[in-house]
Amino acid sequence: MKKRIYSVVMLSVLVIAACTACSSKETEVSNTTVPAKKVVLNEVAHSIFYAPMYVAAEEGYFEEEGLEVELVTGFGADKTMTAVLSGEADIGFMGSEASIYTYNQGARDYVVNFAQLTQRAGNFLVAREPMEDFSWEDLKGKNVLGGRKGGIPEMVFEYILKEHNITPQKDVEIDQSIDFGSTAAAFSEGRGDFTVEFEPGATMLESEGKGYVVASLGEDSGYVPYTAYSAKQSYIEENPDVIQGFVNALQKGMDYVQTHTPEEIAEVIEPQFPETEMDTITTIVTRYYNQDTWKSDLVFEKSGFELLQDILESAGELEKRAPYEDLVQTEFAEKAAR
């Protein structure tokens, strides 16, 4: 009888031990770290202009959302758009005019904008001498080193000229023969009376005493949806959690730049620009900070989209307007901003 009771007790112990082992194993499995989802992001250029995105990267906000972001620089909206359409990149970061062009060309799986980063133009007009009382009228009869035809920097520049009753290529000569990124060097070598410069070109010319910023295109053009994040419809539909996590991380970056000083922002993003001196980074961040470059949220509003199409039409680059409802999704940005 005692043996029987002992056997039952031993059996119970073994069952409990087995269950404990199972429970322990399940805990191990449940505690297993889920691998980060890799996302290839192709940016149109690597610039301090996009500081909130680099804050998100340096502060680990993407990792907090379970994402491993591989950043690739496309060096041009056309190249960035090609990478997205071909599937080489999951998300593109560029001017939204590229999405309008591909939509109007009849792309089936066209690219949709889901978050807007900058709300002002990021380039500046640089003169050879300081001009404290600069007026856009001063450009009449002059030669200006401009941007690529059809690109948003050049179109914003021409839009401002027309707003001041100046006709491009008639009242002012615009040299569009120089590659993006090479205009500052050409200007320092004596070409042009003025140059339209993205950063760090404008600041470098000033630091070398070869040019002086006399106007901000961002201030004079008003609020323009200069750059936005986009992806193919199919990618957004198949990966809504990835898009939401990506936008959540960006919003944290936006919140950071809204609540910290230019000096603090510059310190965070410094590793992204190892070849640029800290003083230069700080100067550029301050310039963008003071002109209200970055939105407080990432919502791409209809008014901005329509203004962008006004600029495209003014430049003669848009045959027909594209519907906002097709090319912009705001739900991800709205959720992130709550």
Protein backbone atom coordinates (compact mmCIF):
# COMPACT_ATOMS: atom_id res chain seq x y z
CA MET A 1 0.00 0.00 0.00
CA LYS A 2 2.84 2.34 0.94
CA LYS A 3 4.58 1.50 -2.36
CA ARG A 4 1.40 2.40 -4.25
CA ILE A 5 1.07 5.75 -2.46
CA TYR A 6 4.79 6.42 -3.10
CA SER A 7 4.34 5.64 -6.81
CA VAL A 8 1.39 8.04 -7.07
CA VAL A 9 3.36 10.77 -5.31
CA MET A 10 6.37 10.24 -7.59
CA LEU A 11 4.13 10.34 -10.66
CA SER A 12 2.63 13.63 -9.47
CA VAL A 13 6.11 15.07 -8.93
CA LEU A 14 7.18 14.05 -12.43
CA VAL A 15 4.05 15.57 -13.97
CA ILE A 16 4.56 18.83 -12.07
CA ALA A 17 8.24 18.89 -13.09
CA ALA A 18 7.32 18.28 -16.70
CA CYS A 19 4.72 21.05 -16.63
CA THR A 20 7.23 23.39 -14.99
CA ALA A 21 9.74 22.59 -17.72
CA CYS A 22 7.08 23.25 -20.37
CA SER A 23 6.12 26.50 -18.69
CA SER A 24 9.77 27.50 -18.49
CA LYS A 25 10.26 26.68 -22.16
CA GLU A 26 7.18 28.70 -23.16
CA THR A 27 8.47 31.68 -21.14
CA GLU A 28 11.78 31.43 -22.93
CA VAL A 29 10.00 31.45 -26.29
CA SER A 30 7.70 34.29 -25.31
CA ASN A 31 10.69 36.32 -24.11
CA THR A 32 12.59 35.80 -27.35
CA THR A 33 13.43 39.14 -28.92
CA VAL A 34 11.55 39.70 -32.14
CA PRO A 35 14.02 40.57 -34.91
CA ALA A 36 13.87 44.18 -36.08
CA LYS A 37 12.13 44.77 -39.38
CA LYS A 38 14.61 46.06 -41.95
CA VAL A 39 13.54 49.10 -43.93
CA VAL A 40 15.56 50.58 -46.79
CA LEU A 41 15.13 54.36 -46.87
CA ASN A 42 16.42 56.27 -49.90
CA GLU A 43 16.91 59.99 -49.18
CA VAL A 44 17.22 62.54 -51.97
CA ALA A 45 20.29 64.10 -50.29
CA HIS A 46 22.11 63.89 -46.97
CA SER A 47 21.59 67.31 -45.45
CA ILE A 48 21.31 69.08 -42.11
CA PHE A 49 18.03 70.37 -43.59
CA TYR A 50 16.56 67.01 -42.54
CA ALA A 51 17.72 67.23 -38.91
CA PRO A 52 14.61 65.63 -37.28
CA MET A 53 15.17 62.41 -39.22
CA TYR A 54 18.79 62.19 -38.05
CA VAL A 55 17.73 62.92 -34.49
CA ALA A 56 15.37 59.93 -34.75
CA ALA A 57 18.26 57.78 -35.99
CA GLU A 58 20.83 58.95 -33.44
CA GLU A 59 18.45 58.82 -30.46
CA GLY A 60 17.39 55.25 -31.28
CA TYR A 61 13.76 56.08 -32.01
CA PHE A 62 13.58 53.71 -34.99
CA GLU A 63 14.92 50.85 -32.88
CA GLU A 64 12.30 51.61 -30.23
CA GLU A 65 9.69 50.98 -32.92
CA GLY A 66 11.29 47.66 -33.89
CA LEU A 67 12.84 48.95 -37.10
CA GLU A 68 16.32 48.66 -38.57
CA VAL A 69 16.60 51.52 -41.05
CA GLU A 70 19.23 51.33 -43.78
CA LEU A 71 19.80 54.85 -45.09
CA VAL A 72 20.87 55.25 -48.73
CA THR A 73 21.42 58.61 -50.45
CA GLY A 74 19.93 58.82 -53.94
CA PHE A 75 21.47 62.17 -55.00
CA GLY A 76 18.37 63.37 -56.84
CA ALA A 77 14.59 62.92 -56.68
CA ASP A 78 14.57 61.04 -59.99
CA LYS A 79 17.03 58.47 -58.65
CA THR A 80 15.20 58.15 -55.32
CA MET A 81 11.87 57.63 -57.10
CA THR A 82 13.41 55.01 -59.39
CA ALA A 83 14.72 53.12 -56.35
CA VAL A 84 11.25 53.08 -54.76
CA LEU A 85 9.40 52.06 -57.93
CA SER A 86 11.89 49.27 -58.64
CA GLY A 87 11.65 47.91 -55.09
CA GLU A 88 15.28 48.70 -54.38
CA ALA A 89 14.05 50.98 -51.58
CA ASP A 90 11.00 50.55 -49.36
CA ILE A 91 10.53 54.24 -48.55
CA GLY A 92 11.60 57.33 -50.45
CA PHE A 93 12.33 60.76 -49.03
CA MET A 94 12.17 63.51 -51.66
CA GLY A 95 10.16 66.40 -53.03
CA SER A 96 6.53 65.40 -53.58
CA GLU A 97 6.56 66.65 -57.14
CA ALA A 98 8.13 63.31 -58.09
CA SER A 99 5.02 61.46 -56.89
CA ILE A 100 2.81 63.76 -58.97
CA TYR A 101 4.88 63.16 -62.09
CA THR A 102 4.78 59.37 -61.80
CA TYR A 103 1.05 59.41 -61.02
CA ASN A 104 0.31 61.49 -64.11
CA GLN A 105 2.45 59.16 -66.21
CA GLY A 106 -0.01 56.38 -65.40
CA ALA A 107 1.96 54.25 -62.93
CA ARG A 108 -0.30 51.50 -61.58
CA ASP A 109 1.37 50.92 -58.24
CA TYR A 110 2.10 54.61 -57.79
CA VAL A 111 3.86 56.21 -54.86
CA VAL A 112 1.85 57.76 -52.01
CA ASN A 113 3.07 60.43 -49.57
CA PHE A 114 2.42 59.55 -45.93
CA ALA A 115 4.47 62.09 -43.94
CA GLN A 116 5.81 65.61 -44.53
CA LEU A 117 9.06 66.68 -42.86
CA THR A 118 9.96 70.20 -44.00
CA GLN A 119 7.57 73.10 -44.56
CA ARG A 120 9.93 75.67 -46.03
CA ALA A 121 12.47 75.71 -48.83
CA GLY A 122 15.99 74.93 -47.66
CA ASN A 123 18.05 77.05 -50.01
CA PHE A 124 19.40 80.57 -49.84
CA LEU A 125 20.37 83.32 -52.26
CA VAL A 126 24.07 84.16 -52.00
CA ALA A 127 25.64 87.38 -53.36
CA ARG A 128 29.28 88.31 -53.88
CA GLU A 129 29.07 91.22 -51.46
CA PRO A 130 26.96 91.90 -48.33
CA MET A 131 23.62 93.51 -49.25
CA GLU A 132 21.81 94.67 -46.13
CA ASP A 133 18.98 96.24 -48.13
CA PHE A 134 18.62 93.42 -50.66
CA SER A 135 15.52 93.42 -52.84
CA TRP A 136 14.56 90.76 -55.38
CA GLU A 137 14.55 93.62 -57.91
CA ASP A 138 18.34 93.62 -57.52
CA LEU A 139 18.46 90.43 -59.60
CA LYS A 140 17.27 92.14 -62.78
CA GLY A 141 19.94 92.03 -65.44
CA LYS A 142 22.09 89.65 -63.38
CA ASN A 143 23.30 86.08 -63.83
CA VAL A 144 22.24 83.56 -61.18
CA LEU A 145 23.50 80.00 -60.76
CA GLY A 146 20.26 78.08 -60.35
CA GLY A 147 19.07 74.51 -59.95
CA ARG A 148 18.00 71.63 -62.18
CA LYS A 149 15.04 72.36 -64.46
CA GLY A 150 11.95 70.67 -63.05
CA GLY A 151 13.45 70.29 -59.59
CA ILE A 152 11.66 71.83 -56.63
CA PRO A 153 14.59 74.15 -55.63
CA GLU A 154 14.60 75.80 -59.06
CA MET A 155 10.81 75.97 -59.27
CA VAL A 156 10.51 77.63 -55.86
CA PHE A 157 13.15 80.17 -56.93
CA GLU A 158 11.27 80.97 -60.14
CA TYR A 159 7.98 81.14 -58.22
CA ILE A 160 9.44 83.83 -55.93
CA LEU A 161 10.74 85.78 -58.92
CA LYS A 162 7.30 85.79 -60.54
CA GLU A 163 5.71 86.86 -57.26
CA HIS A 164 7.97 89.93 -57.50
CA ASN A 165 7.07 90.54 -61.17
CA ILE A 166 10.43 89.27 -62.42
CA THR A 167 10.37 87.04 -65.49
CA PRO A 168 12.94 84.19 -65.37
CA GLN A 169 15.38 84.08 -68.32
CA LYS A 170 14.11 87.47 -69.48
CA ASP A 171 14.69 89.84 -66.57
CA VAL A 172 17.33 87.60 -65.01
CA GLU A 173 19.59 84.97 -66.57
CA ILE A 174 19.53 81.62 -64.74
CA ASP A 175 22.41 79.24 -65.39
CA GLN A 176 21.11 75.66 -65.06
CA SER A 177 24.12 73.94 -66.61
CA ILE A 178 25.91 73.12 -63.35
CA ASP A 179 25.36 69.85 -61.49
CA PHE A 180 23.67 69.85 -58.09
CA GLY A 181 26.28 70.33 -55.39
CA SER A 182 28.78 72.00 -57.71
CA THR A 183 27.31 75.51 -57.85
CA ALA A 184 29.14 76.76 -54.74
CA ALA A 185 32.49 75.75 -56.22
CA ALA A 186 31.60 77.37 -59.55
CA PHE A 187 30.55 80.57 -57.77
CA SER A 188 33.76 80.69 -55.74
CA GLU A 189 35.66 80.42 -59.04
CA GLY A 190 33.91 83.51 -60.43
CA ARG A 191 30.82 82.24 -62.25
CA GLY A 192 27.58 84.17 -61.76
CA ASP A 193 26.60 87.30 -59.87
CA PHE A 194 24.45 85.34 -57.42
CA THR A 195 23.94 81.67 -56.62
CA VAL A 196 21.06 79.73 -55.09
CA GLU A 197 22.65 77.47 -52.51
CA PHE A 198 21.52 74.56 -50.40
CA GLU A 199 23.42 74.00 -47.17
CA PRO A 200 26.26 73.58 -46.43
CA GLY A 201 27.14 75.47 -49.63
CA ALA A 202 25.79 78.81 -48.41
CA THR A 203 27.56 78.66 -45.05
CA MET A 204 30.83 77.46 -46.58
CA LEU A 205 30.87 80.38 -49.03
CA GLU A 206 30.33 82.78 -46.14
CA SER A 207 33.02 81.18 -44.00
CA GLU A 208 35.50 81.50 -46.88
CA GLY A 209 34.51 85.13 -47.48
CA LYS A 210 33.47 84.32 -51.05
CA GLY A 211 29.74 84.86 -50.68
CA TYR A 212 27.05 86.33 -48.43
CA VAL A 213 23.53 85.10 -47.77
CA VAL A 214 21.14 87.92 -48.70
CA ALA A 215 17.78 86.10 -48.78
CA SER A 216 16.09 82.91 -47.62
CA LEU A 217 13.95 81.22 -50.24
CA GLY A 218 12.18 79.42 -47.41
CA GLU A 219 11.02 82.69 -45.87
CA ASP A 220 10.08 84.35 -49.17
CA SER A 221 8.18 81.41 -50.66
CA GLY A 222 6.04 80.78 -47.58
CA TYR A 223 5.03 77.35 -46.30
CA VAL A 224 5.78 74.80 -49.02
CA PRO A 225 5.75 70.99 -48.56
CA TYR A 226 9.37 70.76 -49.65
CA THR A 227 10.12 67.15 -48.70
CA ALA A 228 7.99 64.15 -47.74
CA TYR A 229 8.19 60.40 -47.18
CA SER A 230 6.48 58.11 -49.63
CA ALA A 231 6.12 54.46 -50.59
CA LYS A 232 4.29 52.40 -53.17
CA GLN A 233 0.62 51.71 -52.48
CA SER A 234 1.32 47.99 -52.28
CA TYR A 235 4.05 48.44 -49.67
CA ILE A 236 1.84 50.62 -47.48
CA GLU A 237 -1.06 48.15 -47.73
CA GLU A 238 1.16 45.17 -46.91
CA ASN A 239 3.18 46.87 -44.15
CA PRO A 240 0.94 49.30 -42.23
CA ASP A 241 2.68 48.48 -38.92
CA VAL A 242 6.07 49.30 -40.43
CA ILE A 243 4.82 52.62 -41.81
CA GLN A 244 3.21 53.51 -38.48
CA GLY A 245 6.35 52.63 -36.53
CA PHE A 246 8.46 54.62 -38.97
CA VAL A 247 6.22 57.68 -38.61
CA ASN A 248 6.11 57.29 -34.82
CA ALA A 249 9.92 57.45 -34.73
CA LEU A 250 9.98 60.50 -36.99
CA GLN A 251 7.43 62.25 -34.78
CA LYS A 252 9.71 61.73 -31.79
CA GLY A 253 12.45 63.41 -33.83
CA MET A 254 10.10 66.29 -34.65
CA ASP A 255 9.19 66.64 -30.97
CA TYR A 256 12.89 66.77 -30.08
CA VAL A 257 13.72 69.66 -32.43
CA GLN A 258 10.66 71.56 -31.18
CA THR A 259 11.79 71.31 -27.56
CA HIS A 260 15.58 71.68 -27.80
CA THR A 261 18.00 74.43 -28.77
CA PRO A 262 19.91 74.51 -32.08
CA GLU A 263 23.09 73.73 -30.13
CA GLU A 264 21.52 70.59 -28.62
CA ILE A 265 20.14 69.47 -31.99
CA ALA A 266 23.55 70.00 -33.62
CA GLU A 267 25.25 67.91 -30.96
CA VAL A 268 22.87 64.98 -31.52
CA ILE A 269 23.19 64.91 -35.31
CA GLU A 270 26.96 65.57 -35.45
CA PRO A 271 27.80 61.86 -36.06
CA GLN A 272 25.79 62.03 -39.29
CA PHE A 273 28.17 64.66 -40.66
CA PRO A 274 31.71 63.56 -39.68
CA GLU A 275 33.36 65.80 -42.30
CA THR A 276 31.61 68.97 -41.09
CA GLU A 277 32.88 71.03 -38.17
CA MET A 278 30.60 71.39 -35.17
CA ASP A 279 30.46 75.18 -35.50
CA THR A 280 29.25 74.83 -39.08
CA ILE A 281 26.59 72.29 -38.14
CA THR A 282 25.36 74.59 -35.38
CA THR A 283 25.24 77.60 -37.71
CA ILE A 284 23.20 75.69 -40.28
CA VAL A 285 20.81 74.19 -37.72
CA THR A 286 20.28 77.67 -36.26
CA ARG A 287 19.52 79.10 -39.71
CA TYR A 288 16.90 76.42 -40.39
CA TYR A 289 15.56 76.61 -36.84
CA ASN A 290 15.02 80.37 -37.04
CA GLN A 291 13.07 80.19 -40.30
CA ASP A 292 10.61 77.62 -38.90
CA THR A 293 11.72 74.89 -41.29
CA TRP A 294 10.29 71.88 -39.46
CA LYS A 295 6.63 71.20 -38.78
CA SER A 296 5.43 70.25 -35.32
CA ASP A 297 3.74 67.21 -36.85
CA LEU A 298 4.10 65.15 -40.03
CA VAL A 299 0.61 65.67 -41.47
CA PHE A 300 0.75 66.55 -45.17
CA GLU A 301 -2.15 68.97 -45.50
CA LYS A 302 -4.18 69.59 -48.64
CA SER A 303 -3.40 73.32 -48.73
CA GLY A 304 0.31 72.56 -49.00
CA PHE A 305 -0.25 69.97 -51.72
CA GLU A 306 -2.27 72.45 -53.78
CA LEU A 307 0.37 75.18 -53.32
CA LEU A 308 2.99 72.73 -54.56
CA GLN A 309 0.92 72.13 -57.70
CA ASP A 310 0.54 75.91 -58.14
CA ILE A 311 4.34 76.15 -58.18
CA LEU A 312 4.64 73.28 -60.66
CA GLU A 313 2.08 74.91 -62.95
CA SER A 314 3.82 78.28 -62.67
CA ALA A 315 7.07 76.61 -63.79
CA GLY A 316 5.31 74.96 -66.77
CA GLU A 317 6.10 71.49 -65.38
CA LEU A 318 2.53 70.28 -64.74
CA GLU A 319 0.09 69.37 -67.52
CA LYS A 320 -2.72 68.30 -65.18
CA ARG A 321 -3.26 68.44 -61.44
CA ALA A 322 -3.23 65.24 -59.39
CA PRO A 323 -5.86 64.49 -56.72
CA TYR A 324 -4.71 64.97 -53.13
CA GLU A 325 -6.88 62.05 -52.01
CA ASP A 326 -4.93 59.63 -54.22
CA LEU A 327 -1.41 60.81 -53.45
CA VAL A 328 -1.53 61.63 -49.76
CA GLN A 329 -2.41 59.51 -46.71
CA THR A 330 -2.52 61.32 -43.37
CA GLU A 331 -3.76 58.65 -40.94
CA PHE A 332 -0.28 57.47 -39.94
CA ALA A 333 0.94 61.02 -39.17
CA GLU A 334 -2.28 61.92 -37.38
CA LYS A 335 -2.01 58.86 -35.14
CA ALA A 336 1.66 59.56 -34.38
CA ALA A 337 0.89 63.16 -33.38
CA ARG A 338 -1.73 62.21 -30.77
